[in-house]
Every structure is written in C-alpha cells, then in structure tokens.
Protein backbone atom coordinates (compact mmCIF):
# COMPACT_ATOMS: atom_id res chain seq x y z
CA MET A 1 0.00 0.00 0.00
CA PHE A 2 1.28 3.46 -0.87
CA THR A 3 0.37 7.02 0.19
CA GLY A 4 0.83 8.54 -3.26
CA ILE A 5 3.47 10.92 -1.91
CA VAL A 6 6.72 10.78 -3.89
CA ASP A 7 9.74 9.97 -1.68
CA HIS A 8 12.49 10.37 -4.25
CA VAL A 9 13.17 10.89 -7.92
CA GLY A 10 15.11 8.17 -9.74
CA VAL A 11 16.85 8.20 -13.12
CA ILE A 12 16.41 5.53 -15.81
CA GLN A 13 19.81 3.90 -16.43
CA LEU A 14 18.63 1.12 -18.76
CA PHE A 15 15.42 0.45 -20.68
CA ASP A 16 15.61 -2.91 -22.42
CA HIS A 17 12.41 -3.64 -24.37
CA ASP A 18 11.52 -6.80 -26.33
CA VAL A 19 8.38 -8.69 -27.40
CA GLN A 20 7.88 -10.22 -23.94
CA GLY A 21 8.17 -6.98 -21.97
CA ALA A 22 10.86 -4.69 -20.68
CA ARG A 23 13.47 -4.32 -17.99
CA LEU A 24 14.26 -1.04 -16.24
CA ILE A 25 17.30 -0.25 -14.16
CA ILE A 26 16.76 2.85 -12.04
CA GLU A 27 19.38 4.86 -10.13
CA THR A 28 18.06 6.10 -6.79
CA GLN A 29 18.92 7.45 -3.36
CA PHE A 30 17.07 4.48 -1.82
CA ARG A 31 19.23 1.78 -0.23
CA ASN A 32 18.71 -1.59 1.45
CA PHE A 33 16.49 -3.20 -1.17
CA GLN A 34 15.13 -6.70 -0.83
CA LEU A 35 14.33 -9.06 -3.68
CA GLY A 36 10.62 -9.10 -4.34
CA GLU A 37 9.87 -5.84 -2.54
CA SER A 38 7.30 -3.50 -4.06
CA ILE A 39 8.15 0.01 -5.18
CA ALA A 40 5.91 2.54 -6.89
CA VAL A 41 7.49 3.96 -10.05
CA ASN A 42 5.48 6.86 -11.46
CA GLY A 43 2.60 5.58 -9.32
CA VAL A 44 2.72 1.99 -10.60
CA CYS A 45 3.48 -0.83 -8.18
CA LEU A 46 6.47 -2.83 -9.48
CA THR A 47 8.61 -5.62 -8.02
CA VAL A 48 12.36 -5.36 -7.42
CA THR A 49 14.03 -8.26 -9.27
CA GLN A 50 17.69 -7.22 -8.75
CA PHE A 51 19.54 -4.51 -6.88
CA ALA A 52 23.04 -3.22 -6.22
CA ASP A 53 24.10 -0.19 -4.17
CA SER A 54 22.00 2.69 -5.53
CA GLN A 55 20.26 0.88 -8.41
CA PHE A 56 17.36 -1.51 -8.68
CA THR A 57 15.83 -3.50 -11.53
CA VAL A 58 12.16 -4.08 -12.31
CA GLU A 59 10.54 -6.17 -15.04
CA LEU A 60 7.57 -4.84 -17.03
CA SER A 61 5.08 -7.20 -18.65
CA GLN A 62 3.41 -6.38 -21.96
CA GLU A 63 0.23 -5.73 -19.93
CA THR A 64 2.03 -3.10 -17.85
CA LEU A 65 3.49 -1.53 -20.99
CA SER A 66 0.06 -1.41 -22.63
CA LYS A 67 -1.68 0.13 -19.59
CA THR A 68 0.95 2.76 -18.69
CA ASN A 69 3.20 5.29 -20.38
CA PHE A 70 6.33 3.28 -19.50
CA LYS A 71 6.84 2.32 -23.16
CA ASN A 72 7.76 5.99 -23.78
CA LEU A 73 10.51 6.17 -21.13
CA LYS A 74 14.03 7.09 -22.19
CA ILE A 75 17.44 6.54 -20.59
CA GLY A 76 18.28 9.55 -18.42
CA GLU A 77 14.61 10.37 -17.79
CA LYS A 78 13.50 11.00 -14.20
CA VAL A 79 10.76 8.92 -12.55
CA ASN A 80 8.90 9.38 -9.28
CA LEU A 81 9.59 6.75 -6.62
CA GLU A 82 7.81 5.70 -3.45
CA ARG A 83 8.40 2.78 -1.14
CA PRO A 84 5.34 1.09 0.42
CA LEU A 85 3.97 1.97 3.83
CA ARG A 86 5.37 0.18 6.85
CA MET A 87 3.80 -0.17 10.27
CA GLY A 88 4.37 3.07 12.15
CA ASP A 89 4.84 5.29 9.04
CA ALA A 90 3.00 8.61 8.90
CA LEU A 91 -0.23 8.38 6.91
CA GLY A 92 -0.02 11.62 4.92
CA GLY A 93 -1.55 11.67 1.45
CA HIS A 94 -4.02 8.91 0.67
CA PHE A 95 -3.99 5.15 0.19
CA VAL A 96 -2.93 4.08 -3.31
CA THR A 97 -2.77 0.47 -4.42
CA GLY A 98 -0.42 1.25 -7.32
CA HIS A 99 -2.45 -0.77 -9.81
CA VAL A 100 -3.13 1.02 -13.09
CA ASP A 101 -6.05 0.01 -15.31
CA ASP A 102 -5.51 2.22 -18.37
CA THR A 103 -4.13 5.48 -19.77
CA ILE A 104 -5.82 8.21 -21.77
CA ASN A 105 -4.49 10.28 -24.63
CA LEU A 106 -4.86 14.01 -24.11
C-alpha cells in the first residue's frame, strides 16, 4: 500500500524492451532493497528483481506496458519513486494500491 506521496526521484539507467516486456534499471537514493519488494514507479506498483548499491531493476510485462506510459521512457529520464507503507509510518496523502487500469491520450 502506498500514500501517493513521492519519496524520491530516480533516473532511468537502462530500458531494455523486447516482445515479452521490458526491464528497467533505475538509479536512486534508496538503499537496502530486498528481492521481491514492491516500489511505486510513477505511481505503478512494481517488483524489485535485482539490486546493487544505488540501483534496482524491475521487469515490465506487456500488460504493464500497454496500460501505462512506460513504453515511452528514455534513458536519463526522471521517474517518481515511493516505497510502500510500513507499520508506524506517517499516513499523509491517501492510500494508493499502485495498480493502473488504463491510460488516456490528451
């Protein structure tokens, strides 16, 4: 569960896209990642699949790419980051599940 309040801004280091999906490596100020932990990237709940020092990796399915604007990301672009709520965290903002159903074209 997330509050919707951005904790940090990360920078896309790698965007590897193929027919099965995509892989993002993001540089961040966050530390102490755990495999399988959730992190909201631009408001979308994603799962950490690898990490090292100040970088983490997430995998994007074709479904995620089709329902978000992630397919338009570029290396060097900034993304909003938020770690999930933990017991005892302040409850500013509002509850956000991080699940996106669709995008609209403006």
